[in-house]
Amino acid sequence: MNQTLWTLGAEMDVQAIYERLEVLEEGMGDRFYGEVLADLKLLEAFPEIGSLVYGDRLRRVFVFNRNYGLYYVAEKSRLVIHALLDLRQDPDQIRRRLGRA
């Protein structure tokens, strides 16, 4: 993969999770973000490692203690990150959020 592109919604997801984790424990947001970046390196090398969800293009990998799902589409020359969501919420809410992906 040559490039990783974050949608605005995915960027907002990361920021909100980071801030929430920092409130819970100083430094936890940094650990979370570091793990996300490490997982992205793995995805760039192996873009099809994520499970297909909600159709035939959108994939998901688990991050940060498997509490969060990183949703992306692997295109020919790039990854498009659509969302990073807390998986401990109502599954219907996740589907609604991803309906825009």
Foldseek 3Di string as FASTA:
>chain_A
DAEEAEDPAAVVQLVVVLVVLCVVPNPRSVVQVVFVVVVVVVCQVVVVPFDDDDDDFWGWDATDVSQWIFIWGDDDNYIYTQHIGGPPDDVVVVVVSVVVD
